[in-house]
Amino acid sequence: METEKETERHANKEFRDAATEWGAFIFTGLSTVIFFLQLIVFGKQAQRLKETILKMDQVSAAQSTDMSNSIKEAARAADGMEKSAAAMTMVASTLENTAERQLRAYLTVINGGAIFQEKNREKGENLRFEAKPMMVNTGQTPARKVTYQAVAAILPTPLPDDFNFPPGIPTSGRGDLGSQGHFVMNAIVSEFVDDISVEDIKNGNQQSLYVWGTIVYEDIFNKLRQTKFCLRYQWLLDGTVNAFYETKYNEAE
């Protein structure tokens, strides 16, 4: 038979075991509740994170759209600026070219008269045919470093289509010709003609007095310019001299 002390120890042991089991049950229950609460919290956090990521994607997409639109606008603006710059460059170039055309020197050649062949044995004065084309600067500024060459000859009227204009002897010096200034370029035929041919040459029937040549100069923009000229002369009954431009050789830059 158990003694009273043994019975008491046994009862205490059962109580302790029951308390331990109950404590374990309570701990397990609490752990389960905490687990489910944590699961709910994690689920909420995951949902919020998902929503945040979705919003970030939406913001990123919106920003990408805005960025794309900004890039397109910037590209259009750059294209517009480029076109404006090109237009301004064209305008500046046009203004520069216009100013250059208005201000530069223009050397042209006009009729300055002529002398027909005349022999005066008594006075000992013998004149050959001579052309006097006049160089004129019709521009607004001086022509610089002007040189020329001119040749006079008696040639058929009209000139053959395949006629080759031989060059003359260039002038030994050079000079400037101011705006509206002029200069006579004397050119004498190298030989006398038969006296009986003089009147026909003056009238320009089968032969005429011709003069041709080239003028070279620089304008104030330091650009090299050139003028080619060719004139044919004819004397009128009143003694005046007409000059006609031969289109085969006349040209200017």
C-alpha atoms as a PDB file:
ATOM      1  CA  MET A   1       0.000   0.000   0.000  1.00  0.00           C
ATOM      2  CA  GLU A   2       1.185   3.495  -0.887  1.00  0.00           C
ATOM      3  CA  THR A   3       2.036   5.697   1.949  1.00  0.00           C
ATOM      4  CA  GLU A   4       0.538   9.143   2.219  1.00  0.00           C
ATOM      5  CA  LYS A   5       3.768  10.759   1.011  1.00  0.00           C
ATOM      6  CA  GLU A   6       3.970   8.530  -2.027  1.00  0.00           C
ATOM      7  CA  THR A   7       0.366   9.313  -2.853  1.00  0.00           C
ATOM      8  CA  GLU A   8       1.114  13.007  -2.554  1.00  0.00           C
ATOM      9  CA  ARG A   9       4.216  12.725  -4.805  1.00  0.00           C
ATOM     10  CA  HIS A  10       2.237  10.785  -7.356  1.00  0.00           C
ATOM     11  CA  ALA A  11      -0.503  13.440  -7.340  1.00  0.00           C
ATOM     12  CA  ASN A  12       2.040  16.214  -7.699  1.00  0.00           C
ATOM     13  CA  LYS A  13       3.632  14.398 -10.629  1.00  0.00           C
ATOM     14  CA  GLU A  14       0.302  14.001 -12.402  1.00  0.00           C
ATOM     15  CA  PHE A  15      -0.433  17.654 -11.820  1.00  0.00           C
ATOM     16  CA  ARG A  16       2.906  18.664 -13.243  1.00  0.00           C
ATOM     17  CA  ASP A  17       2.451  16.423 -16.248  1.00  0.00           C
ATOM     18  CA  ALA A  18      -1.002  17.803 -16.852  1.00  0.00           C
ATOM     19  CA  ALA A  19       0.284  21.345 -16.516  1.00  0.00           C
ATOM     20  CA  THR A  20       3.078  20.594 -18.955  1.00  0.00           C
ATOM     21  CA  GLU A  21       0.670  19.088 -21.481  1.00  0.00           C
ATOM     22  CA  TRP A  22      -1.710  22.012 -21.077  1.00  0.00           C
ATOM     23  CA  GLY A  23       1.140  24.480 -21.448  1.00  0.00           C
ATOM     24  CA  ALA A  24       2.301  22.685 -24.582  1.00  0.00           C
ATOM     25  CA  PHE A  25      -1.236  22.803 -25.953  1.00  0.00           C
ATOM     26  CA  ILE A  26      -1.540  26.489 -25.201  1.00  0.00           C
ATOM     27  CA  PHE A  27       1.909  27.178 -26.753  1.00  0.00           C
ATOM     28  CA  THR A  28       0.982  25.186 -29.829  1.00  0.00           C
ATOM     29  CA  GLY A  29      -2.312  27.059 -30.106  1.00  0.00           C
ATOM     30  CA  LEU A  30      -0.621  30.400 -29.696  1.00  0.00           C
ATOM     31  CA  SER A  31       2.077  29.439 -32.180  1.00  0.00           C
ATOM     32  CA  THR A  32      -0.619  28.450 -34.676  1.00  0.00           C
ATOM     33  CA  VAL A  33      -2.467  31.736 -34.165  1.00  0.00           C
ATOM     34  CA  ILE A  34       0.772  33.704 -34.525  1.00  0.00           C
ATOM     35  CA  PHE A  35       1.643  31.724 -37.654  1.00  0.00           C
ATOM     36  CA  PHE A  36      -1.729  32.497 -39.203  1.00  0.00           C
ATOM     37  CA  LEU A  37      -1.435  36.157 -38.182  1.00  0.00           C
ATOM     38  CA  GLN A  38       2.043  36.309 -39.700  1.00  0.00           C
ATOM     39  CA  LEU A  39       0.703  34.565 -42.800  1.00  0.00           C
ATOM     40  CA  ILE A  40      -2.026  37.198 -43.086  1.00  0.00           C
ATOM     41  CA  VAL A  41       0.505  39.990 -42.549  1.00  0.00           C
ATOM     42  CA  PHE A  42       2.870  38.515 -45.118  1.00  0.00           C
ATOM     43  CA  GLY A  43      -0.035  38.129 -47.510  1.00  0.00           C
ATOM     44  CA  LYS A  44      -1.006  41.762 -47.002  1.00  0.00           C
ATOM     45  CA  GLN A  45       2.586  42.831 -47.447  1.00  0.00           C
ATOM     46  CA  ALA A  46       2.893  40.712 -50.574  1.00  0.00           C
ATOM     47  CA  GLN A  47      -0.339  42.238 -51.920  1.00  0.00           C
ATOM     48  CA  ARG A  48       0.872  45.731 -51.143  1.00  0.00           C
ATOM     49  CA  LEU A  49       4.254  44.951 -52.696  1.00  0.00           C
ATOM     50  CA  LYS A  50       2.496  43.651 -55.783  1.00  0.00           C
ATOM     51  CA  GLU A  51       0.335  46.757 -55.916  1.00  0.00           C
ATOM     52  CA  THR A  52       3.435  48.922 -55.448  1.00  0.00           C
ATOM     53  CA  ILE A  53       5.247  47.112 -58.239  1.00  0.00           C
ATOM     54  CA  LEU A  54       2.194  47.483 -60.476  1.00  0.00           C
ATOM     55  CA  LYS A  55       2.015  51.197 -59.721  1.00  0.00           C
ATOM     56  CA  MET A  56       5.746  51.526 -60.355  1.00  0.00           C
ATOM     57  CA  ASP A  57       5.268  49.749 -63.682  1.00  0.00           C
ATOM     58  CA  GLN A  58       2.438  52.122 -64.523  1.00  0.00           C
ATOM     59  CA  VAL A  59       4.503  55.129 -63.487  1.00  0.00           C
ATOM     60  CA  SER A  60       7.464  53.772 -65.404  1.00  0.00           C
ATOM     61  CA  ALA A  61       5.278  53.233 -68.469  1.00  0.00           C
ATOM     62  CA  ALA A  62       3.874  56.739 -68.117  1.00  0.00           C
ATOM     63  CA  GLN A  63       7.350  58.124 -67.652  1.00  0.00           C
ATOM     64  CA  SER A  64       8.532  56.126 -70.657  1.00  0.00           C
ATOM     65  CA  THR A  65       5.660  57.555 -72.689  1.00  0.00           C
ATOM     66  CA  ASP A  66       6.455  61.043 -71.432  1.00  0.00           C
ATOM     67  CA  MET A  67      10.136  60.472 -72.117  1.00  0.00           C
ATOM     68  CA  SER A  68       9.332  59.188 -75.591  1.00  0.00           C
ATOM     69  CA  ASN A  69       7.118  62.207 -76.224  1.00  0.00           C
ATOM     70  CA  SER A  70       9.832  64.486 -74.851  1.00  0.00           C
ATOM     71  CA  ILE A  71      12.386  62.883 -77.127  1.00  0.00           C
ATOM     72  CA  LYS A  72      10.052  63.275 -80.102  1.00  0.00           C
ATOM     73  CA  GLU A  73       9.423  66.914 -79.212  1.00  0.00           C
ATOM     74  CA  ALA A  74      13.139  67.493 -78.752  1.00  0.00           C
ATOM     75  CA  ALA A  75      13.808  65.832 -82.108  1.00  0.00           C
ATOM     76  CA  ARG A  76      11.170  68.011 -83.765  1.00  0.00           C
ATOM     77  CA  ALA A  77      12.627  71.088 -82.083  1.00  0.00           C
ATOM     78  CA  ALA A  78      16.146  70.129 -83.173  1.00  0.00           C
ATOM     79  CA  ASP A  79      14.911  69.529 -86.707  1.00  0.00           C
ATOM     80  CA  GLY A  80      13.186  72.900 -86.660  1.00  0.00           C
ATOM     81  CA  MET A  81      16.310  74.597 -85.350  1.00  0.00           C
ATOM     82  CA  GLU A  82      18.400  72.848 -88.013  1.00  0.00           C
ATOM     83  CA  LYS A  83      16.008  73.989 -90.725  1.00  0.00           C
ATOM     84  CA  SER A  84      16.003  77.508 -89.287  1.00  0.00           C
ATOM     85  CA  ALA A  85      19.810  77.521 -89.199  1.00  0.00           C
ATOM     86  CA  ALA A  86      19.919  76.278 -92.793  1.00  0.00           C
ATOM     87  CA  ALA A  87      17.419  78.956 -93.810  1.00  0.00           C
ATOM     88  CA  MET A  88      19.427  81.645 -92.017  1.00  0.00           C
ATOM     89  CA  THR A  89      22.614  80.390 -93.677  1.00  0.00           C
ATOM     90  CA  MET A  90      20.882  80.534 -97.042  1.00  0.00           C
ATOM     91  CA  VAL A  91      19.600  84.033 -96.340  1.00  0.00           C
ATOM     92  CA  ALA A  92      23.069  85.163 -95.236  1.00  0.00           C
ATOM     93  CA  SER A  93      24.612  83.609 -98.339  1.00  0.00           C
ATOM     94  CA  THR A  94      21.981  85.267-100.530  1.00  0.00           C
ATOM     95  CA  LEU A  95      22.595  88.635 -98.885  1.00  0.00           C
ATOM     96  CA  GLU A  96      26.340  88.206 -99.267  1.00  0.00           C
ATOM     97  CA  ASN A  97      25.990  87.260-102.929  1.00  0.00           C
ATOM     98  CA  THR A  98      23.576  90.133-103.523  1.00  0.00           C
ATOM     99  CA  ALA A  99      25.916  92.622-101.863  1.00  0.00           C
ATOM    100  CA  GLU A 100      28.811  91.226-103.857  1.00  0.00           C
ATOM    101  CA  ARG A 101      26.908  91.544-107.127  1.00  0.00           C
ATOM    102  CA  GLN A 102      25.866  95.091-106.293  1.00  0.00           C
ATOM    103  CA  LEU A 103      29.250  96.299-105.073  1.00  0.00           C
ATOM    104  CA  ARG A 104      31.783  94.474-107.200  1.00  0.00           C
ATOM    105  CA  ALA A 105      33.576  95.952-110.204  1.00  0.00           C
ATOM    106  CA  TYR A 106      32.302  95.161-113.696  1.00  0.00           C
ATOM    107  CA  LEU A 107      34.702  95.794-116.549  1.00  0.00           C
ATOM    108  CA  THR A 108      33.022  95.981-119.921  1.00  0.00           C
ATOM    109  CA  VAL A 109      34.093  97.231-123.341  1.00  0.00           C
ATOM    110  CA  ILE A 110      32.327  99.850-125.465  1.00  0.00           C
ATOM    111  CA  ASN A 111      33.050 101.636-128.699  1.00  0.00           C
ATOM    112  CA  GLY A 112      35.778 104.202-128.254  1.00  0.00           C
ATOM    113  CA  GLY A 113      36.193 105.024-131.934  1.00  0.00           C
ATOM    114  CA  ALA A 114      38.586 103.902-134.664  1.00  0.00           C
ATOM    115  CA  ILE A 115      41.001 105.269-137.261  1.00  0.00           C
ATOM    116  CA  PHE A 116      41.041 104.156-140.891  1.00  0.00           C
ATOM    117  CA  GLN A 117      44.132 103.723-143.019  1.00  0.00           C
ATOM    118  CA  GLU A 118      45.387 106.930-144.600  1.00  0.00           C
ATOM    119  CA  LYS A 119      48.639 107.631-146.363  1.00  0.00           C
ATOM    120  CA  ASN A 120      49.855 111.212-146.789  1.00  0.00           C
ATOM    121  CA  ARG A 121      53.035 111.060-148.788  1.00  0.00           C
ATOM    122  CA  GLU A 122      53.431 114.833-148.783  1.00  0.00           C
ATOM    123  CA  LYS A 123      53.391 115.081-144.998  1.00  0.00           C
ATOM    124  CA  GLY A 124      54.988 111.715-144.522  1.00  0.00           C
ATOM    125  CA  GLU A 125      52.125 110.641-142.256  1.00  0.00           C
ATOM    126  CA  ASN A 126      50.968 107.088-142.737  1.00  0.00           C
ATOM    127  CA  LEU A 127      48.125 105.775-140.563  1.00  0.00           C
ATOM    128  CA  ARG A 128      47.093 102.160-140.414  1.00  0.00           C
ATOM    129  CA  PHE A 129      43.667 100.925-139.332  1.00  0.00           C
ATOM    130  CA  GLU A 130      43.433 101.278-135.580  1.00  0.00           C
ATOM    131  CA  ALA A 131      40.719 100.248-133.138  1.00  0.00           C
ATOM    132  CA  LYS A 132      40.125 102.116-129.899  1.00  0.00           C
ATOM    133  CA  PRO A 133      37.896  99.949-127.718  1.00  0.00           C
ATOM    134  CA  MET A 134      37.167 101.566-124.360  1.00  0.00           C
ATOM    135  CA  MET A 135      37.338  99.656-121.105  1.00  0.00           C
ATOM    136  CA  VAL A 136      34.725 100.922-118.624  1.00  0.00           C
ATOM    137  CA  ASN A 137      34.171 100.001-114.986  1.00  0.00           C
ATOM    138  CA  THR A 138      30.397 100.046-114.585  1.00  0.00           C
ATOM    139  CA  GLY A 139      30.564  98.650-111.045  1.00  0.00           C
ATOM    140  CA  GLN A 140      30.447 100.452-107.693  1.00  0.00           C
ATOM    141  CA  THR A 141      33.996  99.682-106.548  1.00  0.00           C
ATOM    142  CA  PRO A 142      37.468  99.755-108.131  1.00  0.00           C
ATOM    143  CA  ALA A 143      38.837  96.961-110.282  1.00  0.00           C
ATOM    144  CA  ARG A 144      42.325  96.057-109.129  1.00  0.00           C
ATOM    145  CA  LYS A 145      45.375  94.573-110.831  1.00  0.00           C
ATOM    146  CA  VAL A 146      43.879  95.199-114.258  1.00  0.00           C
ATOM    147  CA  THR A 147      45.705  93.759-117.270  1.00  0.00           C
ATOM    148  CA  TYR A 148      44.514  93.273-120.832  1.00  0.00           C
ATOM    149  CA  GLN A 149      45.506  92.147-124.280  1.00  0.00           C
ATOM    150  CA  ALA A 150      43.964  93.407-127.512  1.00  0.00           C
ATOM    151  CA  VAL A 151      44.447  92.498-131.174  1.00  0.00           C
ATOM    152  CA  ALA A 152      43.235  94.401-134.263  1.00  0.00           C
ATOM    153  CA  ALA A 153      43.021  92.816-137.717  1.00  0.00           C
ATOM    154  CA  ILE A 154      41.225  93.058-141.053  1.00  0.00           C
ATOM    155  CA  LEU A 155      39.051  89.965-141.356  1.00  0.00           C
ATOM    156  CA  PRO A 156      36.198  88.680-143.551  1.00  0.00           C
ATOM    157  CA  THR A 157      32.656  89.894-142.994  1.00  0.00           C
ATOM    158  CA  PRO A 158      31.029  87.911-141.504  1.00  0.00           C
ATOM    159  CA  LEU A 159      33.587  85.880-139.605  1.00  0.00           C
ATOM    160  CA  PRO A 160      33.761  82.145-140.304  1.00  0.00           C
ATOM    161  CA  ASP A 161      32.086  80.011-137.627  1.00  0.00           C
ATOM    162  CA  ASP A 162      35.339  78.153-136.966  1.00  0.00           C
ATOM    163  CA  PHE A 163      37.487  81.273-136.708  1.00  0.00           C
ATOM    164  CA  ASN A 164      40.079  81.019-133.977  1.00  0.00           C
ATOM    165  CA  PHE A 165      40.840  84.289-132.184  1.00  0.00           C
ATOM    166  CA  PRO A 166      44.593  84.314-131.545  1.00  0.00           C
ATOM    167  CA  PRO A 167      45.729  85.927-128.271  1.00  0.00           C
ATOM    168  CA  GLY A 168      47.432  89.265-128.247  1.00  0.00           C
ATOM    169  CA  ILE A 169      50.449  90.479-126.326  1.00  0.00           C
ATOM    170  CA  PRO A 170      49.550  91.153-122.660  1.00  0.00           C
ATOM    171  CA  THR A 171      50.167  94.617-121.283  1.00  0.00           C
ATOM    172  CA  SER A 172      53.488  94.968-119.512  1.00  0.00           C
ATOM    173  CA  GLY A 173      51.991  96.663-116.435  1.00  0.00           C
ATOM    174  CA  ARG A 174      48.836  96.571-114.394  1.00  0.00           C
ATOM    175  CA  GLY A 175      46.785  99.116-112.535  1.00  0.00           C
ATOM    176  CA  ASP A 176      43.463  99.934-110.909  1.00  0.00           C
ATOM    177  CA  LEU A 177      40.360 101.307-112.557  1.00  0.00           C
ATOM    178  CA  GLY A 178      37.933 103.153-110.305  1.00  0.00           C
ATOM    179  CA  SER A 179      34.175 103.002-110.401  1.00  0.00           C
ATOM    180  CA  GLN A 180      32.824 104.585-113.612  1.00  0.00           C
ATOM    181  CA  GLY A 181      36.399 105.007-114.809  1.00  0.00           C
ATOM    182  CA  HIS A 182      37.411 104.263-118.395  1.00  0.00           C
ATOM    183  CA  PHE A 183      40.532 103.449-120.367  1.00  0.00           C
ATOM    184  CA  VAL A 184      41.174 103.280-124.124  1.00  0.00           C
ATOM    185  CA  MET A 185      42.920 100.121-125.332  1.00  0.00           C
ATOM    186  CA  ASN A 186      44.599 101.083-128.599  1.00  0.00           C
ATOM    187  CA  ALA A 187      45.136  98.225-131.025  1.00  0.00           C
ATOM    188  CA  ILE A 188      46.734  98.857-134.457  1.00  0.00           C
ATOM    189  CA  VAL A 189      46.546  96.500-137.430  1.00  0.00           C
ATOM    190  CA  SER A 190      49.987  95.037-138.007  1.00  0.00           C
ATOM    191  CA  GLU A 191      50.163  95.733-141.797  1.00  0.00           C
ATOM    192  CA  PHE A 192      48.900  98.184-144.373  1.00  0.00           C
ATOM    193  CA  VAL A 193      46.202  97.054-146.790  1.00  0.00           C
ATOM    194  CA  ASP A 194      45.865  97.948-150.466  1.00  0.00           C
ATOM    195  CA  ASP A 195      44.619 101.493-150.839  1.00  0.00           C
ATOM    196  CA  ILE A 196      41.757 100.346-153.051  1.00  0.00           C
ATOM    197  CA  SER A 197      40.461  98.133-150.180  1.00  0.00           C
ATOM    198  CA  VAL A 198      40.188 100.930-147.625  1.00  0.00           C
ATOM    199  CA  GLU A 199      36.676 102.078-148.531  1.00  0.00           C
ATOM    200  CA  ASP A 200      35.321  98.534-148.664  1.00  0.00           C
ATOM    201  CA  ILE A 201      36.776  97.851-145.219  1.00  0.00           C
ATOM    202  CA  LYS A 202      35.304 101.069-143.851  1.00  0.00           C
ATOM    203  CA  ASN A 203      31.887 100.112-145.221  1.00  0.00           C
ATOM    204  CA  GLY A 204      32.207  96.561-143.956  1.00  0.00           C
ATOM    205  CA  ASN A 205      31.293  95.002-147.273  1.00  0.00           C
ATOM    206  CA  GLN A 206      33.512  91.925-147.558  1.00  0.00           C
ATOM    207  CA  GLN A 207      36.081  92.810-144.902  1.00  0.00           C
ATOM    208  CA  SER A 208      35.996  94.807-141.697  1.00  0.00           C
ATOM    209  CA  LEU A 209      38.204  96.084-138.948  1.00  0.00           C
ATOM    210  CA  TYR A 210      37.949  93.788-135.907  1.00  0.00           C
ATOM    211  CA  VAL A 211      39.383  94.051-132.429  1.00  0.00           C
ATOM    212  CA  TRP A 212      39.292  91.393-129.724  1.00  0.00           C
ATOM    213  CA  GLY A 213      40.995  90.644-126.481  1.00  0.00           C
ATOM    214  CA  THR A 214      40.772  89.698-122.815  1.00  0.00           C
ATOM    215  CA  ILE A 215      40.711  91.795-119.645  1.00  0.00           C
ATOM    216  CA  VAL A 216      41.747  90.230-116.341  1.00  0.00           C
ATOM    217  CA  TYR A 217      41.248  91.907-112.947  1.00  0.00           C
ATOM    218  CA  GLU A 218      40.405  91.403-109.292  1.00  0.00           C
ATOM    219  CA  ASP A 219      37.384  92.860-107.507  1.00  0.00           C
ATOM    220  CA  ILE A 220      37.360  94.108-103.893  1.00  0.00           C
ATOM    221  CA  PHE A 221      36.345  90.602-102.762  1.00  0.00           C
ATOM    222  CA  ASN A 222      39.699  89.308-104.083  1.00  0.00           C
ATOM    223  CA  LYS A 223      37.994  87.280-106.774  1.00  0.00           C
ATOM    224  CA  LEU A 224      39.646  86.955-110.161  1.00  0.00           C
ATOM    225  CA  ARG A 225      37.426  88.189-113.012  1.00  0.00           C
ATOM    226  CA  GLN A 226      37.730  88.059-116.769  1.00  0.00           C
ATOM    227  CA  THR A 227      36.064  89.856-119.688  1.00  0.00           C
ATOM    228  CA  LYS A 228      36.400  88.740-123.301  1.00  0.00           C
ATOM    229  CA  PHE A 229      35.421  91.146-126.050  1.00  0.00           C
ATOM    230  CA  CYS A 230      35.247  91.379-129.826  1.00  0.00           C
ATOM    231  CA  LEU A 231      34.026  94.393-131.838  1.00  0.00           C
ATOM    232  CA  ARG A 232      33.550  94.938-135.562  1.00  0.00           C
ATOM    233  CA  TYR A 233      33.720  98.517-136.899  1.00  0.00           C
ATOM    234  CA  GLN A 234      31.871 100.277-139.666  1.00  0.00           C
ATOM    235  CA  TRP A 235      32.184 103.884-140.845  1.00  0.00           C
ATOM    236  CA  LEU A 236      29.033 105.800-141.709  1.00  0.00           C
ATOM    237  CA  LEU A 237      28.713 108.431-144.431  1.00  0.00           C
ATOM    238  CA  ASP A 238      28.969 111.267-141.906  1.00  0.00           C
ATOM    239  CA  GLY A 239      32.319 109.938-140.670  1.00  0.00           C
ATOM    240  CA  THR A 240      31.084 108.471-137.361  1.00  0.00           C
ATOM    241  CA  VAL A 241      32.109 104.968-136.448  1.00  0.00           C
ATOM    242  CA  ASN A 242      29.746 102.236-135.298  1.00  0.00           C
ATOM    243  CA  ALA A 243      30.899  99.155-133.441  1.00  0.00           C
ATOM    244  CA  PHE A 244      29.067  95.820-133.328  1.00  0.00           C
ATOM    245  CA  TYR A 245      29.623  93.093-130.767  1.00  0.00           C
ATOM    246  CA  GLU A 246      30.563  89.683-132.118  1.00  0.00           C
ATOM    247  CA  THR A 247      28.658  87.165-130.019  1.00  0.00           C
ATOM    248  CA  LYS A 248      31.166  84.408-130.775  1.00  0.00           C
ATOM    249  CA  TYR A 249      33.692  85.897-128.384  1.00  0.00           C
ATOM    250  CA  ASN A 250      31.991  88.317-125.995  1.00  0.00           C
ATOM    251  CA  GLU A 251      31.561  86.988-122.466  1.00  0.00           C
ATOM    252  CA  ALA A 252      32.214  88.167-118.947  1.00  0.00           C
ATOM    253  CA  GLU A 253      32.413  86.826-115.405  1.00  0.00           C
END
